[in-house]
PDB file of N, CA and C in Angstrom:
ATOM      1  N   MET A   1      58.705 -13.887  51.218  1.00  0.00           N
ATOM      2  CA  MET A   1      60.297 -14.193  52.498  1.00  0.00           C
ATOM      3  C   MET A   1      59.284 -15.999  52.885  1.00  0.00           C
ATOM      4  N   LYS A   2      60.286 -16.901  53.070  1.00  0.00           N
ATOM      5  CA  LYS A   2      59.260 -18.302  53.273  1.00  0.00           C
ATOM      6  C   LYS A   2      59.573 -18.281  54.706  1.00  0.00           C
ATOM      7  N   ALA A   3      58.637 -18.450  56.307  1.00  0.00           N
ATOM      8  CA  ALA A   3      58.685 -18.563  57.601  1.00  0.00           C
ATOM      9  C   ALA A   3      57.772 -20.009  58.467  1.00  0.00           C
ATOM     10  N   THR A   4      58.457 -20.563  58.837  1.00  0.00           N
ATOM     11  CA  THR A   4      57.641 -22.090  59.633  1.00  0.00           C
ATOM     12  C   THR A   4      57.011 -20.673  60.508  1.00  0.00           C
ATOM     13  N   VAL A   5      56.280 -21.463  61.265  1.00  0.00           N
ATOM     14  CA  VAL A   5      55.692 -20.716  62.146  1.00  0.00           C
ATOM     15  C   VAL A   5      55.288 -21.857  63.030  1.00  0.00           C
ATOM     16  N   GLN A   6      55.874 -21.749  64.447  1.00  0.00           N
ATOM     17  CA  GLN A   6      55.317 -23.249  65.319  1.00  0.00           C
ATOM     18  C   GLN A   6      54.073 -22.341  66.459  1.00  0.00           C
ATOM     19  N   PHE A   7      53.137 -22.564  67.065  1.00  0.00           N
ATOM     20  CA  PHE A   7      51.635 -22.572  67.453  1.00  0.00           C
ATOM     21  C   PHE A   7      51.809 -23.867  68.677  1.00  0.00           C
ATOM     22  N   LYS A   8      52.092 -23.287  70.117  1.00  0.00           N
ATOM     23  CA  LYS A   8      51.683 -23.981  71.302  1.00  0.00           C
ATOM     24  C   LYS A   8      49.518 -23.989  71.843  1.00  0.00           C
ATOM     25  N   THR A   9      49.531 -25.567  71.542  1.00  0.00           N
ATOM     26  CA  THR A   9      47.722 -24.972  71.215  1.00  0.00           C
ATOM     27  C   THR A   9      47.233 -25.900  72.940  1.00  0.00           C
ATOM     28  N   SER A  10      46.108 -26.051  73.095  1.00  0.00           N
ATOM     29  CA  SER A  10      45.266 -25.959  74.490  1.00  0.00           C
ATOM     30  C   SER A  10      44.619 -27.507  74.118  1.00  0.00           C
ATOM     31  N   GLU A  11      45.173 -28.179  72.648  1.00  0.00           N
ATOM     32  CA  GLU A  11      45.128 -29.607  73.373  1.00  0.00           C
ATOM     33  C   GLU A  11      45.133 -30.616  74.526  1.00  0.00           C
ATOM     34  N   VAL A  12      44.125 -31.285  74.990  1.00  0.00           N
ATOM     35  CA  VAL A  12      44.602 -31.925  75.952  1.00  0.00           C
ATOM     36  C   VAL A  12      45.561 -33.140  75.015  1.00  0.00           C
ATOM     37  N   PHE A  13      44.727 -34.616  74.527  1.00  0.00           N
ATOM     38  CA  PHE A  13      45.160 -35.020  73.730  1.00  0.00           C
ATOM     39  C   PHE A  13      46.251 -35.332  72.780  1.00  0.00           C
ATOM     40  N   GLY A  14      46.980 -35.683  72.034  1.00  0.00           N
ATOM     41  CA  GLY A  14      47.776 -35.589  70.978  1.00  0.00           C
ATOM     42  C   GLY A  14      48.287 -34.618  70.875  1.00  0.00           C
ATOM     43  N   LYS A  15      49.150 -33.996  69.918  1.00  0.00           N
ATOM     44  CA  LYS A  15      50.201 -33.058  69.537  1.00  0.00           C
ATOM     45  C   LYS A  15      49.834 -32.050  70.298  1.00  0.00           C
ATOM     46  N   LYS A  16      50.202 -31.389  70.701  1.00  0.00           N
ATOM     47  CA  LYS A  16      49.968 -29.779  71.003  1.00  0.00           C
ATOM     48  C   LYS A  16      51.052 -28.783  70.487  1.00  0.00           C
ATOM     49  N   THR A  17      51.699 -28.401  69.747  1.00  0.00           N
ATOM     50  CA  THR A  17      52.034 -27.631  68.435  1.00  0.00           C
ATOM     51  C   THR A  17      51.590 -27.948  66.983  1.00  0.00           C
ATOM     52  N   LYS A  18      50.320 -26.714  66.612  1.00  0.00           N
ATOM     53  CA  LYS A  18      50.587 -26.825  65.871  1.00  0.00           C
ATOM     54  C   LYS A  18      51.310 -25.934  64.150  1.00  0.00           C
ATOM     55  N   THR A  19      52.301 -26.477  63.310  1.00  0.00           N
ATOM     56  CA  THR A  19      52.936 -25.639  63.462  1.00  0.00           C
ATOM     57  C   THR A  19      52.632 -25.569  61.291  1.00  0.00           C
ATOM     58  N   TYR A  20      52.705 -24.504  60.939  1.00  0.00           N
ATOM     59  CA  TYR A  20      52.372 -23.779  59.435  1.00  0.00           C
ATOM     60  C   TYR A  20      53.873 -23.120  58.756  1.00  0.00           C
ATOM     61  N   THR A  21      54.143 -23.607  57.503  1.00  0.00           N
ATOM     62  CA  THR A  21      54.830 -22.861  56.541  1.00  0.00           C
ATOM     63  C   THR A  21      54.337 -22.112  55.810  1.00  0.00           C
ATOM     64  N   LYS A  22      54.675 -20.430  55.161  1.00  0.00           N
ATOM     65  CA  LYS A  22      54.038 -20.651  53.542  1.00  0.00           C
ATOM     66  C   LYS A  22      54.828 -18.971  53.644  1.00  0.00           C
ATOM     67  N   ASP A  23      53.975 -18.647  52.921  1.00  0.00           N
ATOM     68  CA  ASP A  23      55.294 -16.848  52.412  1.00  0.00           C
ATOM     69  C   ASP A  23      54.096 -15.759  52.000  1.00  0.00           C
ATOM     70  N   PHE A  24      55.190 -15.204  53.352  1.00  0.00           N
ATOM     71  CA  PHE A  24      54.965 -13.568  54.504  1.00  0.00           C
ATOM     72  C   PHE A  24      55.090 -12.362  52.523  1.00  0.00           C
ATOM     73  N   ASN A  25      55.125 -11.910  52.562  1.00  0.00           N
ATOM     74  CA  ASN A  25      55.243 -10.284  51.863  1.00  0.00           C
ATOM     75  C   ASN A  25      56.315  -9.850  52.980  1.00  0.00           C
ATOM     76  N   GLY A  26      56.900 -10.415  54.258  1.00  0.00           N
ATOM     77  CA  GLY A  26      57.999  -9.472  55.006  1.00  0.00           C
ATOM     78  C   GLY A  26      57.602  -9.575  56.403  1.00  0.00           C
ATOM     79  N   GLU A  27      58.211  -9.155  56.765  1.00  0.00           N
ATOM     80  CA  GLU A  27      57.403  -9.361  58.387  1.00  0.00           C
ATOM     81  C   GLU A  27      56.483  -8.467  58.960  1.00  0.00           C
ATOM     82  N   SER A  28      56.105  -7.515  58.160  1.00  0.00           N
ATOM     83  CA  SER A  28      54.446  -7.013  59.625  1.00  0.00           C
ATOM     84  C   SER A  28      53.401  -8.499  58.586  1.00  0.00           C
ATOM     85  N   HIS A  29      53.479  -8.359  57.287  1.00  0.00           N
ATOM     86  CA  HIS A  29      52.941 -10.156  57.618  1.00  0.00           C
ATOM     87  C   HIS A  29      52.787 -11.458  58.075  1.00  0.00           C
ATOM     88  N   LEU A  30      53.728 -10.797  58.779  1.00  0.00           N
ATOM     89  CA  LEU A  30      53.831 -12.298  59.157  1.00  0.00           C
ATOM     90  C   LEU A  30      53.921 -12.553  60.737  1.00  0.00           C
ATOM     91  N   ARG A  31      53.933 -10.779  61.541  1.00  0.00           N
ATOM     92  CA  ARG A  31      53.681 -10.378  62.927  1.00  0.00           C
ATOM     93  C   ARG A  31      51.959 -10.641  62.809  1.00  0.00           C
ATOM     94  N   ASN A  32      51.078  -9.825  62.333  1.00  0.00           N
ATOM     95  CA  ASN A  32      49.942 -10.558  61.758  1.00  0.00           C
ATOM     96  C   ASN A  32      48.920 -11.220  60.968  1.00  0.00           C
ATOM     97  N   TYR A  33      49.799 -12.306  60.641  1.00  0.00           N
ATOM     98  CA  TYR A  33      49.649 -13.766  60.573  1.00  0.00           C
ATOM     99  C   TYR A  33      49.523 -14.410  61.986  1.00  0.00           C
ATOM    100  N   ILE A  34      50.345 -13.789  62.663  1.00  0.00           N
ATOM    101  CA  ILE A  34      50.426 -14.514  64.186  1.00  0.00           C
ATOM    102  C   ILE A  34      49.407 -13.626  64.859  1.00  0.00           C
ATOM    103  N   ARG A  35      48.939 -12.848  64.831  1.00  0.00           N
ATOM    104  CA  ARG A  35      47.963 -12.020  65.603  1.00  0.00           C
ATOM    105  C   ARG A  35      46.641 -12.695  65.487  1.00  0.00           C
ATOM    106  N   ALA A  36      46.394 -13.017  64.039  1.00  0.00           N
ATOM    107  CA  ALA A  36      44.902 -13.726  63.696  1.00  0.00           C
ATOM    108  C   ALA A  36      45.355 -14.934  63.833  1.00  0.00           C
ATOM    109  N   VAL A  37      46.233 -16.394  64.081  1.00  0.00           N
ATOM    110  CA  VAL A  37      45.687 -17.574  64.815  1.00  0.00           C
ATOM    111  C   VAL A  37      46.621 -16.858  66.464  1.00  0.00           C
ATOM    112  N   GLU A  38      46.640 -16.675  67.005  1.00  0.00           N
ATOM    113  CA  GLU A  38      46.216 -16.176  68.229  1.00  0.00           C
ATOM    114  C   GLU A  38      44.759 -15.722  68.425  1.00  0.00           C
ATOM    115  N   ARG A  39      44.205 -14.757  68.123  1.00  0.00           N
ATOM    116  CA  ARG A  39      43.597 -14.065  68.395  1.00  0.00           C
ATOM    117  C   ARG A  39      41.924 -14.857  68.087  1.00  0.00           C
ATOM    118  N   LYS A  40      41.457 -15.646  66.654  1.00  0.00           N
ATOM    119  CA  LYS A  40      41.010 -16.784  66.150  1.00  0.00           C
ATOM    120  C   LYS A  40      41.028 -17.748  66.879  1.00  0.00           C
ATOM    121  N   ARG A  41      42.227 -18.320  67.106  1.00  0.00           N
ATOM    122  CA  ARG A  41      42.130 -20.172  67.831  1.00  0.00           C
ATOM    123  C   ARG A  41      42.871 -20.066  68.796  1.00  0.00           C
ATOM    124  N   GLY A  42      43.403 -18.891  70.261  1.00  0.00           N
ATOM    125  CA  GLY A  42      43.086 -19.225  71.098  1.00  0.00           C
ATOM    126  C   GLY A  42      44.851 -20.428  71.306  1.00  0.00           C
ATOM    127  N   TRP A  43      45.925 -19.677  71.064  1.00  0.00           N
ATOM    128  CA  TRP A  43      46.921 -21.026  70.682  1.00  0.00           C
ATOM    129  C   TRP A  43      47.961 -19.481  70.960  1.00  0.00           C
ATOM    130  N   TYR A  44      49.149 -19.873  71.411  1.00  0.00           N
ATOM    131  CA  TYR A  44      50.422 -19.130  71.659  1.00  0.00           C
ATOM    132  C   TYR A  44      51.256 -19.300  71.021  1.00  0.00           C
ATOM    133  N   LEU A  45      52.262 -18.582  70.456  1.00  0.00           N
ATOM    134  CA  LEU A  45      53.374 -18.517  69.928  1.00  0.00           C
ATOM    135  C   LEU A  45      55.265 -18.768  70.713  1.00  0.00           C
ATOM    136  N   ASP A  46      55.474 -20.169  69.670  1.00  0.00           N
ATOM    137  CA  ASP A  46      55.690 -21.200  70.100  1.00  0.00           C
ATOM    138  C   ASP A  46      57.658 -20.222  69.937  1.00  0.00           C
ATOM    139  N   GLU A  47      57.257 -20.424  68.189  1.00  0.00           N
ATOM    140  CA  GLU A  47      58.577 -20.588  67.735  1.00  0.00           C
ATOM    141  C   GLU A  47      58.489 -20.569  66.269  1.00  0.00           C
ATOM    142  N   VAL A  48      59.701 -19.078  65.391  1.00  0.00           N
ATOM    143  CA  VAL A  48      59.390 -18.845  64.645  1.00  0.00           C
ATOM    144  C   VAL A  48      60.517 -19.034  63.731  1.00  0.00           C
ATOM    145  N   TRP A  49      60.963 -20.162  62.126  1.00  0.00           N
ATOM    146  CA  TRP A  49      62.101 -21.244  61.513  1.00  0.00           C
ATOM    147  C   TRP A  49      61.763 -19.589  60.249  1.00  0.00           C
ATOM    148  N   TYR A  50      62.626 -18.369  59.843  1.00  0.00           N
ATOM    149  CA  TYR A  50      62.908 -17.743  58.762  1.00  0.00           C
ATOM    150  C   TYR A  50      63.652 -18.932  57.601  1.00  0.00           C
ATOM    151  N   LEU A  51      62.961 -19.759  56.586  1.00  0.00           N
ATOM    152  CA  LEU A  51      63.637 -20.534  55.394  1.00  0.00           C
ATOM    153  C   LEU A  51      63.928 -19.756  54.376  1.00  0.00           C
ATOM    154  N   ASP A  52      63.746 -18.796  53.703  1.00  0.00           N
ATOM    155  CA  ASP A  52      64.334 -17.756  52.849  1.00  0.00           C
ATOM    156  C   ASP A  52      64.141 -15.535  53.456  1.00  0.00           C
ATOM    157  N   LYS A  53      64.585 -15.083  53.617  1.00  0.00           N
ATOM    158  CA  LYS A  53      64.025 -13.857  53.594  1.00  0.00           C
ATOM    159  C   LYS A  53      64.219 -12.747  52.620  1.00  0.00           C
ATOM    160  N   GLY A  54      64.279 -13.322  52.037  1.00  0.00           N
ATOM    161  CA  GLY A  54      64.125 -12.643  51.112  1.00  0.00           C
ATOM    162  C   GLY A  54      65.291 -11.070  50.629  1.00  0.00           C
ATOM    163  N   ASN A  55      64.262 -10.207  50.099  1.00  0.00           N
ATOM    164  CA  ASN A  55      66.052  -8.776  50.019  1.00  0.00           C
ATOM    165  C   ASN A  55      66.084  -8.635  50.896  1.00  0.00           C
ATOM    166  N   ASN A  56      64.821  -9.232  52.524  1.00  0.00           N
ATOM    167  CA  ASN A  56      65.394  -7.873  54.268  1.00  0.00           C
ATOM    168  C   ASN A  56      64.600  -6.910  53.851  1.00  0.00           C
ATOM    169  N   ASP A  57      63.156  -6.285  52.807  1.00  0.00           N
ATOM    170  CA  ASP A  57      63.609  -5.187  52.857  1.00  0.00           C
ATOM    171  C   ASP A  57      62.525  -4.749  54.004  1.00  0.00           C
ATOM    172  N   ASP A  58      61.364  -5.566  54.238  1.00  0.00           N
ATOM    173  CA  ASP A  58      60.502  -5.246  54.998  1.00  0.00           C
ATOM    174  C   ASP A  58      60.828  -6.286  57.067  1.00  0.00           C
ATOM    175  N   LEU A  59      61.965  -6.437  56.882  1.00  0.00           N
ATOM    176  CA  LEU A  59      62.701  -6.835  57.944  1.00  0.00           C
ATOM    177  C   LEU A  59      63.590  -5.573  58.455  1.00  0.00           C
ATOM    178  N   ASP A  60      63.478  -5.701  60.503  1.00  0.00           N
ATOM    179  CA  ASP A  60      63.730  -5.163  61.442  1.00  0.00           C
ATOM    180  C   ASP A  60      64.892  -5.531  61.345  1.00  0.00           C
ATOM    181  N   PRO A  61      66.154  -4.860  61.150  1.00  0.00           N
ATOM    182  CA  PRO A  61      67.711  -4.514  60.976  1.00  0.00           C
ATOM    183  C   PRO A  61      67.950  -5.220  62.932  1.00  0.00           C
ATOM    184  N   ALA A  62      67.593  -4.323  63.158  1.00  0.00           N
ATOM    185  CA  ALA A  62      68.129  -3.690  64.820  1.00  0.00           C
ATOM    186  C   ALA A  62      67.890  -4.746  65.848  1.00  0.00           C
ATOM    187  N   ALA A  63      66.693  -5.158  65.531  1.00  0.00           N
ATOM    188  CA  ALA A  63      65.520  -6.621  66.642  1.00  0.00           C
ATOM    189  C   ALA A  63      64.830  -6.690  66.114  1.00  0.00           C
ATOM    190  N   SER A  64      64.699  -8.062  65.611  1.00  0.00           N
ATOM    191  CA  SER A  64      63.494  -8.983  65.432  1.00  0.00           C
ATOM    192  C   SER A  64      62.585  -8.600  66.723  1.00  0.00           C
ATOM    193  N   TYR A  65      61.023  -8.510  67.061  1.00  0.00           N
ATOM    194  CA  TYR A  65      60.326  -8.525  68.594  1.00  0.00           C
ATOM    195  C   TYR A  65      60.553 -10.017  68.880  1.00  0.00           C
ATOM    196  N   ILE A  66      60.080 -10.864  67.147  1.00  0.00           N
ATOM    197  CA  ILE A  66      59.468 -11.898  66.886  1.00  0.00           C
ATOM    198  C   ILE A  66      60.405 -13.022  67.277  1.00  0.00           C
ATOM    199  N   GLU A  67      61.758 -13.011  66.666  1.00  0.00           N
ATOM    200  CA  GLU A  67      63.008 -13.033  68.177  1.00  0.00           C
ATOM    201  C   GLU A  67      63.819 -13.422  68.853  1.00  0.00           C
ATOM    202  N   ASP A  68      63.486 -12.223  69.004  1.00  0.00           N
ATOM    203  CA  ASP A  68      63.263 -12.198  70.625  1.00  0.00           C
ATOM    204  C   ASP A  68      62.917 -13.116  71.673  1.00  0.00           C
ATOM    205  N   GLN A  69      61.299 -12.695  71.589  1.00  0.00           N
ATOM    206  CA  GLN A  69      59.875 -13.635  72.465  1.00  0.00           C
ATOM    207  C   GLN A  69      60.708 -15.414  72.037  1.00  0.00           C
ATOM    208  N   LEU A  70      61.048 -15.823  71.199  1.00  0.00           N
ATOM    209  CA  LEU A  70      61.302 -17.078  70.726  1.00  0.00           C
ATOM    210  C   LEU A  70      61.689 -17.084  72.367  1.00  0.00           C
ATOM    211  N   TYR A  71      62.760 -16.747  72.762  1.00  0.00           N
ATOM    212  CA  TYR A  71      64.087 -16.935  73.996  1.00  0.00           C
ATOM    213  C   TYR A  71      63.406 -16.818  75.267  1.00  0.00           C
ATOM    214  N   ALA A  72      62.074 -16.421  75.903  1.00  0.00           N
ATOM    215  CA  ALA A  72      62.189 -15.713  76.809  1.00  0.00           C
ATOM    216  C   ALA A  72      60.965 -17.724  77.481  1.00  0.00           C
ATOM    217  N   PRO A  73      60.473 -17.049  78.783  1.00  0.00           N
ATOM    218  CA  PRO A  73      59.523 -18.381  79.324  1.00  0.00           C
ATOM    219  C   PRO A  73      58.785 -18.295  78.247  1.00  0.00           C
ATOM    220  N   TYR A  74      57.644 -20.241  78.688  1.00  0.00           N
ATOM    221  CA  TYR A  74      56.864 -19.733  77.536  1.00  0.00           C
ATOM    222  C   TYR A  74      56.001 -18.674  78.676  1.00  0.00           C
ATOM    223  N   ASP A  75      55.700 -18.523  80.021  1.00  0.00           N
ATOM    224  CA  ASP A  75      54.653 -17.561  80.427  1.00  0.00           C
ATOM    225  C   ASP A  75      54.532 -16.479  79.927  1.00  0.00           C
ATOM    226  N   ASN A  76      55.062 -15.443  79.105  1.00  0.00           N
ATOM    227  CA  ASN A  76      55.587 -14.789  78.625  1.00  0.00           C
ATOM    228  C   ASN A  76      54.758 -14.540  77.406  1.00  0.00           C
ATOM    229  N   PHE A  77      54.392 -15.399  76.773  1.00  0.00           N
ATOM    230  CA  PHE A  77      54.187 -15.054  75.633  1.00  0.00           C
ATOM    231  C   PHE A  77      51.800 -14.587  75.955  1.00  0.00           C
ATOM    232  N   ALA A  78      51.437 -15.417  77.031  1.00  0.00           N
ATOM    233  CA  ALA A  78      50.200 -14.796  76.306  1.00  0.00           C
ATOM    234  C   ALA A  78      50.229 -13.795  76.691  1.00  0.00           C
ATOM    235  N   ASN A  79      50.944 -12.810  77.222  1.00  0.00           N
ATOM    236  CA  ASN A  79      51.380 -11.079  77.293  1.00  0.00           C
ATOM    237  C   ASN A  79      52.081 -10.393  76.240  1.00  0.00           C
ATOM    238  N   TYR A  80      52.785 -10.924  75.360  1.00  0.00           N
ATOM    239  CA  TYR A  80      53.010 -10.146  74.962  1.00  0.00           C
ATOM    240  C   TYR A  80      52.654  -8.969  73.427  1.00  0.00           C
ATOM    241  N   LYS A  81      52.742  -7.889  72.957  1.00  0.00           N
ATOM    242  CA  LYS A  81      52.645  -7.578  71.953  1.00  0.00           C
ATOM    243  C   LYS A  81      53.412  -6.859  70.800  1.00  0.00           C
ATOM    244  N   LEU A  82      53.091  -7.196  69.741  1.00  0.00           N
ATOM    245  CA  LEU A  82      53.697  -7.564  68.478  1.00  0.00           C
ATOM    246  C   LEU A  82      53.649  -5.805  68.001  1.00  0.00           C
TER     247      LEU A  82
END
């Protein structure tokens, strides 16, 4: 599946978001990628856009925690768990 992930950075000057588009093996791979970026760079998840979900085998049809967090206030991103 192909997705674009946008992170809020802590940069003072310039762009305050970083956006990456890449192919993931599934939603668990996407979640691991987000956690790794947050842990290594100290950035927070801002938005996720699914460009191509492929066959949807690895997607949770009931509720995607990532999608739910997109509508939460920014302050809640620092404390969310995937």
